[in-house]
Amino acid sequence: MKYTSLSDYFKSTYHTKVYKLSLSSGCTCPNRDGTIGRGGCTFCSEGGSGDFAAPFSDLKEQIAFAKEKVAGKFSRSIAPEERRYFAYFQSYTNTYGDPKHLEKLYREVLEEEDILGLSVGTRPDCISPEILSVLGELNQKKPVWVELGLQTIHEKTAERIHRGYPLEVFEDAYKRLKEASLTVVVHVILGLPGETREDMLGTVSYLAKHLSPGDGVKLQLLHVLRGTALAGEYERDPFHILTLEEYRDLVVEALRILPKDLVIHRITGDGPKSLLIEPKWSGDKKRVLNTLNRAIAEA
């Protein structure tokens, strides 16, 4: 089975290997600071889903740190000055702050010659008209992607994980982002507590119908991490944790459902091993990727 991975997209668009640099904007989240809630979504660690992002510091220092982390992934035939990147503000909600300060950060990143574009991780309830205007303007100079944490379309699950907004908010934000000609990448978590296989694939089917060509999807395995509200819930009343085989089959079916003109940015994800409670099998990344890629190739 064929699908367009992010790596495929980068190669066909830029004719070279491109890696994302995970950065921190210093923003918090309205679901943490008391605006709509405390503690964030139940699955979210203290790192705000950016446990692998560069620690917040001077932006140029962050960029240098992030480049060093991905340096080993490049072929030796690609000299350092020829390497190309996409900047990714990953931790917490990177449109939740003073628009002028955030614009300064966004512009500073895009001024780097070897950074081809910008990806901004955020929530759909944090896309103000001012931020939207900034992102739209910058998108005229270099590509700007907006990554939205949807996770599920099911309101019962959204309430259980304390997502903090209804589906209508996502739909409105998506509409406004597309009107501004921005590319949208939607995050989906497979294995959320209480969801059936049909529920998870229902979310995928919804995105298959609603996303525009060129938009992206990130398929993420649910990780139960130490220190999260989800970990406490799991300890008190254990819920079903997907097996590797169940997750494999879900990913294959999701890729069957999603149109080929969408870019699949991720088919799984990492949980910091120091925090990982379940699923333990996800700690063996090589095995997981080999299992998934083999099943996809045979599908």
Protein backbone atom coordinates (compact mmCIF):
# COMPACT_ATOMS: atom_id res chain seq x y z
CA MET A 1 0.00 0.00 0.00
CA LYS A 2 1.32 3.42 -0.98
CA TYR A 3 0.92 6.60 1.03
CA THR A 4 2.71 9.95 1.09
CA SER A 5 4.96 10.18 4.13
CA LEU A 6 6.43 13.46 5.32
CA SER A 7 9.84 12.28 4.12
CA ASP A 8 8.37 11.58 0.67
CA TYR A 9 6.79 15.03 0.61
CA PHE A 10 10.05 16.76 1.53
CA LYS A 11 12.02 14.83 -1.10
CA SER A 12 9.52 15.53 -3.89
CA THR A 13 9.17 19.21 -2.94
CA TYR A 14 12.75 20.16 -2.07
CA HIS A 15 14.72 17.34 -3.74
CA THR A 16 16.76 16.79 -0.60
CA LYS A 17 16.49 15.34 2.88
CA VAL A 18 14.76 17.71 5.31
CA TYR A 19 14.45 17.30 9.07
CA LYS A 20 12.27 19.12 11.57
CA LEU A 21 13.86 21.08 14.40
CA SER A 22 11.78 20.82 17.59
CA LEU A 23 11.76 24.18 19.35
CA SER A 24 10.06 25.84 22.33
CA SER A 25 8.28 29.20 22.13
CA GLY A 26 7.93 29.61 25.90
CA CYS A 27 4.13 29.56 25.66
CA THR A 28 1.94 27.76 28.14
CA CYS A 29 -1.60 26.45 27.50
CA PRO A 30 -5.09 27.71 28.45
CA ASN A 31 -5.82 24.19 29.66
CA ARG A 32 -2.98 24.54 32.17
CA ASP A 33 -2.98 28.13 33.36
CA GLY A 34 -6.58 28.13 34.57
CA THR A 35 -8.14 29.95 31.60
CA ILE A 36 -10.17 26.84 30.75
CA GLY A 37 -8.55 24.25 32.99
CA ARG A 38 -5.60 23.08 35.06
CA GLY A 39 -3.14 20.30 34.37
CA GLY A 40 -3.73 20.10 30.62
CA CYS A 41 -5.16 17.15 28.72
CA THR A 42 -4.94 14.00 30.83
CA PHE A 43 -2.31 12.39 28.55
CA CYS A 44 -0.08 15.47 28.43
CA SER A 45 3.23 15.34 30.29
CA GLU A 46 4.94 18.26 32.00
CA GLY A 47 6.78 18.78 28.70
CA GLY A 48 3.50 19.66 27.03
CA SER A 49 3.80 17.02 24.29
CA GLY A 50 7.20 18.46 23.50
CA ASP A 51 9.44 16.25 25.60
CA PHE A 52 11.97 16.05 22.79
CA ALA A 53 11.96 19.76 21.97
CA ALA A 54 14.95 21.97 22.68
CA PRO A 55 14.79 23.52 26.16
CA PHE A 56 13.50 27.08 26.11
CA SER A 57 16.37 29.54 25.79
CA ASP A 58 17.69 31.98 23.23
CA LEU A 59 16.16 30.96 19.90
CA LYS A 60 19.48 30.76 18.06
CA GLU A 61 20.82 28.52 20.83
CA GLN A 62 17.73 26.33 20.50
CA ILE A 63 18.19 26.05 16.75
CA ALA A 64 21.85 25.06 17.17
CA PHE A 65 20.89 22.49 19.82
CA ALA A 66 18.13 21.03 17.65
CA LYS A 67 20.42 20.82 14.61
CA GLU A 68 22.97 18.91 16.65
CA LYS A 69 20.27 16.41 17.70
CA VAL A 70 19.38 15.57 14.07
CA ALA A 71 22.90 15.85 12.63
CA GLY A 72 23.47 12.10 12.74
CA LYS A 73 20.42 11.47 10.55
CA PHE A 74 21.91 13.19 7.52
CA SER A 75 24.02 11.28 5.01
CA ARG A 76 27.73 12.04 5.25
CA SER A 77 27.54 13.15 1.63
CA ILE A 78 25.42 16.14 2.67
CA ALA A 79 27.72 18.85 4.03
CA PRO A 80 26.49 20.84 7.05
CA GLU A 81 26.02 23.98 4.94
CA GLU A 82 23.80 22.00 2.53
CA ARG A 83 21.45 20.63 5.19
CA ARG A 84 17.88 21.89 5.22
CA TYR A 85 15.26 22.03 7.97
CA PHE A 86 11.68 22.85 8.96
CA ALA A 87 11.31 24.60 12.31
CA TYR A 88 8.67 23.13 14.62
CA PHE A 89 7.40 24.97 17.67
CA GLN A 90 6.20 21.87 19.50
CA SER A 91 5.76 22.29 23.25
CA TYR A 92 2.40 23.41 24.66
CA THR A 93 0.32 25.94 22.65
CA ASN A 94 2.50 28.05 20.37
CA THR A 95 -0.10 30.63 19.36
CA TYR A 96 -1.10 31.32 22.97
CA GLY A 97 0.70 34.51 23.85
CA ASP A 98 1.34 38.08 22.82
CA PRO A 99 0.97 38.17 19.02
CA LYS A 100 3.82 40.67 18.58
CA HIS A 101 6.23 38.53 20.62
CA LEU A 102 5.22 35.38 18.76
CA GLU A 103 5.55 37.14 15.40
CA LYS A 104 9.12 38.09 16.37
CA LEU A 105 9.91 34.42 17.13
CA TYR A 106 8.31 33.17 13.93
CA ARG A 107 10.16 35.75 11.82
CA GLU A 108 13.50 35.06 13.49
CA VAL A 109 13.19 31.38 12.62
CA LEU A 110 12.20 32.00 9.01
CA GLU A 111 15.08 34.41 8.48
CA GLU A 112 17.46 31.44 8.74
CA GLU A 113 18.46 30.58 5.19
CA ASP A 114 18.62 26.82 5.80
CA ILE A 115 15.14 26.72 7.40
CA LEU A 116 12.63 26.15 4.61
CA GLY A 117 9.43 26.61 6.58
CA LEU A 118 7.69 26.75 9.91
CA SER A 119 5.30 24.37 11.68
CA VAL A 120 3.38 25.69 14.69
CA GLY A 121 1.78 23.29 17.17
CA THR A 122 -1.33 24.71 18.83
CA ARG A 123 -4.96 24.27 19.86
CA PRO A 124 -7.91 25.21 17.63
CA ASP A 125 -9.29 27.46 20.37
CA CYS A 126 -6.11 29.56 20.31
CA ILE A 127 -6.17 30.93 16.76
CA SER A 128 -6.89 34.63 17.23
CA PRO A 129 -7.49 36.96 14.25
CA GLU A 130 -4.14 38.65 15.01
CA ILE A 131 -2.20 35.38 15.02
CA LEU A 132 -4.02 34.20 11.90
CA SER A 133 -3.03 37.40 10.10
CA VAL A 134 0.62 36.95 11.10
CA LEU A 135 0.73 33.32 10.01
CA GLY A 136 -0.99 34.13 6.73
CA GLU A 137 1.49 36.90 5.96
CA LEU A 138 4.52 34.74 6.77
CA ASN A 139 3.11 31.95 4.62
CA GLN A 140 3.60 34.23 1.62
CA LYS A 141 7.36 34.14 2.23
CA LYS A 142 7.96 30.57 3.35
CA PRO A 143 5.53 27.70 4.00
CA VAL A 144 3.76 27.84 7.36
CA TRP A 145 1.92 24.81 8.72
CA VAL A 146 -0.45 24.86 11.68
CA GLU A 147 -0.64 21.64 13.70
CA LEU A 148 -3.91 21.17 15.59
CA GLY A 149 -4.37 18.69 18.43
CA LEU A 150 -7.76 17.18 17.66
CA GLN A 151 -7.06 13.63 18.97
CA THR A 152 -10.68 12.46 18.58
CA ILE A 153 -14.02 13.62 17.16
CA HIS A 154 -15.98 11.94 19.95
CA GLU A 155 -17.24 14.36 22.60
CA LYS A 156 -17.45 11.71 25.35
CA THR A 157 -13.76 10.94 24.92
CA ALA A 158 -12.86 14.63 24.61
CA GLU A 159 -14.49 15.26 27.98
CA ARG A 160 -12.75 12.26 29.53
CA ILE A 161 -9.32 13.47 28.43
CA HIS A 162 -10.16 17.10 29.37
CA ARG A 163 -9.45 18.40 25.86
CA GLY A 164 -11.32 21.58 26.70
CA TYR A 165 -13.19 22.37 23.49
CA PRO A 166 -15.98 20.81 21.36
CA LEU A 167 -15.60 19.63 17.77
CA GLU A 168 -17.27 22.79 16.46
CA VAL A 169 -14.28 24.83 17.63
CA PHE A 170 -11.94 22.65 15.58
CA GLU A 171 -14.18 22.98 12.54
CA ASP A 172 -14.28 26.77 12.82
CA ALA A 173 -10.50 27.05 13.28
CA TYR A 174 -9.88 24.73 10.34
CA LYS A 175 -12.18 26.79 8.11
CA ARG A 176 -10.43 30.05 9.03
CA LEU A 177 -6.96 28.54 8.54
CA LYS A 178 -7.87 27.29 5.07
CA GLU A 179 -9.36 30.67 4.16
CA ALA A 180 -5.92 32.07 4.99
CA SER A 181 -4.35 29.47 2.62
CA LEU A 182 -2.49 27.73 5.45
CA THR A 183 -1.62 24.04 5.51
CA VAL A 184 -3.14 22.20 8.47
CA VAL A 185 -1.74 19.09 10.15
CA VAL A 186 -4.16 17.27 12.46
CA HIS A 187 -3.04 15.10 15.38
CA VAL A 188 -5.01 11.93 16.15
CA ILE A 189 -4.40 9.61 19.10
CA LEU A 190 -5.22 5.92 18.67
CA GLY A 191 -5.96 4.00 21.85
CA LEU A 192 -7.66 6.68 23.94
CA PRO A 193 -9.44 5.20 26.99
CA GLY A 194 -12.92 3.88 26.27
CA GLU A 195 -12.67 4.16 22.49
CA THR A 196 -13.45 1.17 20.29
CA ARG A 197 -11.79 0.37 16.99
CA GLU A 198 -14.87 1.81 15.29
CA ASP A 199 -14.55 5.04 17.29
CA MET A 200 -10.91 5.50 16.30
CA LEU A 201 -11.54 4.79 12.63
CA GLY A 202 -14.55 7.11 12.81
CA THR A 203 -12.16 9.97 13.62
CA VAL A 204 -9.95 8.96 10.70
CA SER A 205 -12.96 8.78 8.35
CA TYR A 206 -14.06 12.25 9.47
CA LEU A 207 -10.66 13.68 8.54
CA ALA A 208 -10.69 11.83 5.22
CA LYS A 209 -13.86 13.74 4.33
CA HIS A 210 -12.97 17.14 5.74
CA LEU A 211 -9.27 17.79 5.08
CA SER A 212 -8.02 19.42 1.90
CA PRO A 213 -5.37 17.97 -0.44
CA GLY A 214 -1.90 18.74 0.87
CA ASP A 215 -2.99 18.86 4.50
CA GLY A 216 -1.46 16.40 6.92
CA VAL A 217 -2.33 13.82 9.56
CA LYS A 218 -0.26 12.59 12.48
CA LEU A 219 -1.27 9.17 13.80
CA GLN A 220 -0.09 8.86 17.37
CA LEU A 221 -0.17 5.90 19.74
CA LEU A 222 -1.51 6.71 23.20
CA HIS A 223 1.27 6.69 25.79
CA VAL A 224 0.54 6.50 29.49
CA LEU A 225 3.30 8.62 31.04
CA ARG A 226 4.32 9.02 34.65
CA GLY A 227 3.14 12.22 36.25
CA THR A 228 0.08 12.65 34.03
CA ALA A 229 -3.56 12.56 35.07
CA LEU A 230 -3.96 9.65 32.68
CA ALA A 231 -1.40 7.66 34.65
CA GLY A 232 -3.44 8.19 37.80
CA GLU A 233 -6.60 7.12 36.03
CA TYR A 234 -4.88 3.99 34.70
CA GLU A 235 -3.57 3.09 38.14
CA ARG A 236 -7.02 3.45 39.74
CA ASP A 237 -9.00 1.74 37.01
CA PRO A 238 -6.88 0.16 34.25
CA PHE A 239 -8.28 0.56 30.74
CA HIS A 240 -7.39 -1.41 27.63
CA ILE A 241 -3.93 -0.74 26.21
CA LEU A 242 -3.50 -1.50 22.53
CA THR A 243 -1.22 -4.39 21.65
CA LEU A 244 1.33 -3.91 18.90
CA GLU A 245 -0.80 -6.10 16.63
CA GLU A 246 -3.93 -4.04 17.33
CA TYR A 247 -2.09 -0.81 16.67
CA ARG A 248 -0.55 -2.21 13.49
CA ASP A 249 -3.96 -3.18 12.13
CA LEU A 250 -5.43 0.23 13.04
CA VAL A 251 -2.65 2.08 11.23
CA VAL A 252 -3.05 -0.05 8.10
CA GLU A 253 -6.80 0.53 8.06
CA ALA A 254 -6.36 4.26 8.71
CA LEU A 255 -4.02 4.54 5.72
CA ARG A 256 -6.60 2.74 3.58
CA ILE A 257 -9.21 5.30 4.59
CA LEU A 258 -7.15 8.49 4.25
CA PRO A 259 -6.91 9.97 0.73
CA LYS A 260 -3.56 9.63 -1.01
CA ASP A 261 -3.36 13.42 -1.45
CA LEU A 262 -2.92 13.88 2.30
CA VAL A 263 0.56 13.82 3.81
CA ILE A 264 1.00 11.32 6.64
CA HIS A 265 3.42 13.09 8.97
CA ARG A 266 3.64 10.25 11.46
CA ILE A 267 2.43 6.67 11.88
CA THR A 268 3.47 6.40 15.52
CA GLY A 269 5.32 8.43 18.11
CA ASP A 270 7.76 8.24 20.99
CA GLY A 271 7.10 8.42 24.70
CA PRO A 272 10.15 9.23 26.85
CA LYS A 273 11.35 5.88 28.18
CA SER A 274 11.98 7.42 31.59
CA LEU A 275 8.26 8.29 31.83
CA LEU A 276 6.66 5.43 29.88
CA ILE A 277 4.24 3.21 31.79
CA GLU A 278 2.29 1.68 28.90
CA PRO A 279 2.39 0.31 26.30
CA LYS A 280 5.80 -1.09 27.17
CA TRP A 281 6.24 -2.51 23.66
CA SER A 282 6.35 1.03 22.27
CA GLY A 283 9.76 1.52 23.86
CA ASP A 284 11.33 -0.64 21.14
CA LYS A 285 11.00 1.92 18.34
CA LYS A 286 12.89 -0.11 15.76
CA ARG A 287 10.64 -3.12 16.26
CA VAL A 288 7.51 -0.97 16.11
CA LEU A 289 8.51 0.76 12.87
CA ASN A 290 9.60 -2.48 11.26
CA THR A 291 6.27 -4.09 12.17
CA LEU A 292 4.28 -1.17 10.83
CA ASN A 293 6.25 -0.76 7.62
CA ARG A 294 6.11 -4.48 6.86
CA ALA A 295 2.33 -4.58 7.36
CA ILE A 296 1.85 -1.47 5.19
CA ALA A 297 4.00 -2.90 2.42
CA GLU A 298 2.00 -6.15 2.45
CA ALA A 299 -1.41 -4.48 2.59
